[in-house]
Protein backbone atom coordinates (compact mmCIF):
# COMPACT_ATOMS: atom_id res chain seq x y z
CA MET A 1 -4.13 -200.93 57.36
CA SER A 2 -5.46 -202.37 54.11
CA GLU A 3 -6.13 -200.21 51.08
CA VAL A 4 -9.60 -200.29 49.55
CA THR A 5 -10.69 -200.18 45.92
CA GLN A 6 -14.13 -199.75 44.42
CA CYS A 7 -15.22 -202.69 42.27
CA PRO A 8 -16.31 -201.33 38.87
CA LEU A 9 -19.16 -203.85 38.68
CA CYS A 10 -20.86 -203.91 42.08
CA LYS A 11 -19.53 -200.48 43.20
CA ARG A 12 -18.65 -201.78 46.69
CA GLU A 13 -15.52 -200.58 48.47
CA CYS A 14 -13.45 -203.75 48.89
CA PRO A 15 -10.08 -204.35 50.53
CA ASP A 16 -7.33 -204.82 47.93
CA ARG A 17 -6.74 -208.37 49.19
CA LEU A 18 -10.24 -209.27 47.93
CA MET A 19 -9.72 -207.82 44.46
CA GLN A 20 -8.90 -210.14 41.55
CA ARG A 21 -7.78 -209.62 37.97
CA HIS A 22 -10.28 -210.55 35.26
CA HIS A 23 -9.29 -210.77 31.61
CA ILE A 24 -11.83 -208.53 29.90
CA GLU A 25 -11.06 -210.43 26.70
CA THR A 26 -9.71 -213.95 26.73
CA ARG A 27 -5.99 -214.36 27.31
CA ARG A 28 -5.59 -215.48 23.70
CA GLU A 29 -6.89 -212.15 22.45
CA SER A 30 -5.47 -209.62 24.91
CA ASP A 31 -3.61 -209.17 28.18
CA GLU A 32 -6.02 -206.42 29.24
CA THR A 33 -7.40 -207.02 32.73
CA ILE A 34 -9.64 -205.21 35.16
CA GLU A 35 -9.59 -205.42 38.95
CA ILE A 36 -12.92 -206.67 40.29
CA CYS A 37 -14.00 -208.09 43.64
CA ARG A 38 -13.88 -211.79 44.33
CA GLU A 39 -17.67 -212.16 44.38
CA CYS A 40 -18.15 -210.50 40.97
CA HIS A 41 -15.33 -212.60 39.50
CA ARG A 42 -16.85 -215.83 40.81
CA THR A 43 -20.23 -214.80 39.45
CA ILE A 44 -18.90 -214.09 35.95
CA HIS A 45 -17.25 -217.50 35.71
CA GLY A 46 -20.19 -219.21 37.42
CA LEU A 47 -22.75 -217.85 34.97
CA PHE A 48 -20.78 -217.86 31.74
CA SER A 49 -18.47 -220.36 30.08
CA ASN A 50 -15.30 -219.12 28.39
CA THR A 51 -16.99 -219.76 25.05
CA MET A 52 -19.83 -217.47 26.06
CA LEU A 53 -17.41 -214.80 27.27
CA ARG A 54 -15.68 -214.91 23.86
CA ASP A 55 -18.92 -214.71 21.83
CA PRO A 56 -19.15 -211.20 20.30
CA LYS A 57 -22.95 -211.51 20.02
CA LEU A 58 -23.27 -211.67 23.81
CA ASN A 59 -21.07 -208.57 24.34
CA LEU A 60 -19.62 -209.79 27.65
CA ASN A 61 -16.15 -208.37 27.01
CA SER A 62 -16.74 -205.02 28.74
CA ILE A 63 -18.10 -203.72 32.02
CA GLU A 64 -21.09 -202.20 30.23
CA GLY A 65 -21.74 -205.45 28.37
CA LEU A 66 -21.67 -207.50 31.55
CA LEU A 67 -23.99 -205.09 33.36
CA SER A 68 -26.43 -205.12 30.45
CA ASN A 69 -26.82 -208.91 30.77
CA GLU A 70 -30.01 -209.58 32.76
CA ARG A 71 -28.75 -212.69 34.58
CA PHE A 72 -25.52 -211.02 35.63
CA TYR A 73 -27.24 -207.79 36.67
CA LYS A 74 -29.62 -209.72 38.96
CA ALA A 75 -26.60 -211.35 40.62
CA ILE A 76 -24.89 -207.97 41.02
CA LYS A 77 -27.96 -206.57 42.78
CA PHE A 78 -27.59 -209.40 45.32
CA ILE A 79 -23.82 -208.91 45.66
CA ARG A 80 -24.30 -205.21 46.42
CA LYS A 81 -26.14 -206.22 49.62
CA LEU A 82 -23.16 -208.28 50.88
CA GLN A 83 -20.29 -207.00 52.96
CA PRO A 84 -16.93 -207.35 51.20
CA GLY A 85 -15.46 -210.72 52.10
CA ASP A 86 -18.82 -212.37 52.87
CA ARG A 87 -18.90 -215.83 51.44
CA MET A 88 -21.53 -216.58 48.85
CA ARG A 89 -22.36 -219.81 47.15
CA MET A 90 -22.11 -219.93 43.40
CA ARG A 91 -22.95 -223.09 41.60
CA ASP A 92 -20.57 -223.59 38.73
CA SER A 93 -23.00 -225.11 36.28
CA LYS A 94 -21.46 -227.25 33.57
CA LYS A 95 -24.63 -226.59 31.58
CA LYS A 96 -24.30 -222.85 31.10
CA ARG A 97 -26.80 -221.51 28.61
CA TYR A 98 -26.91 -218.62 26.17
CA ASN A 99 -29.83 -216.81 27.79
């Protein structure tokens, strides 16, 4: 039987096999990671470039900072409706913007 963990972003109970480590700060700055579900992790890296994640003005280096971002919060509301492990499409835009 698989263990389950609650994702700190979407609050869904997800099997441990679907949890992934996310560097809350870039690897250059810290080794601190959080365990988040696969869908939230894909969404973070689909919406934001590494440059954006490093930008202190955007405050994306904490759970609270991510959830306060309007674009990310809208995506999380959608993710909360999915069953853990459901596949979702995330376009990885090369033209990520600062808004």
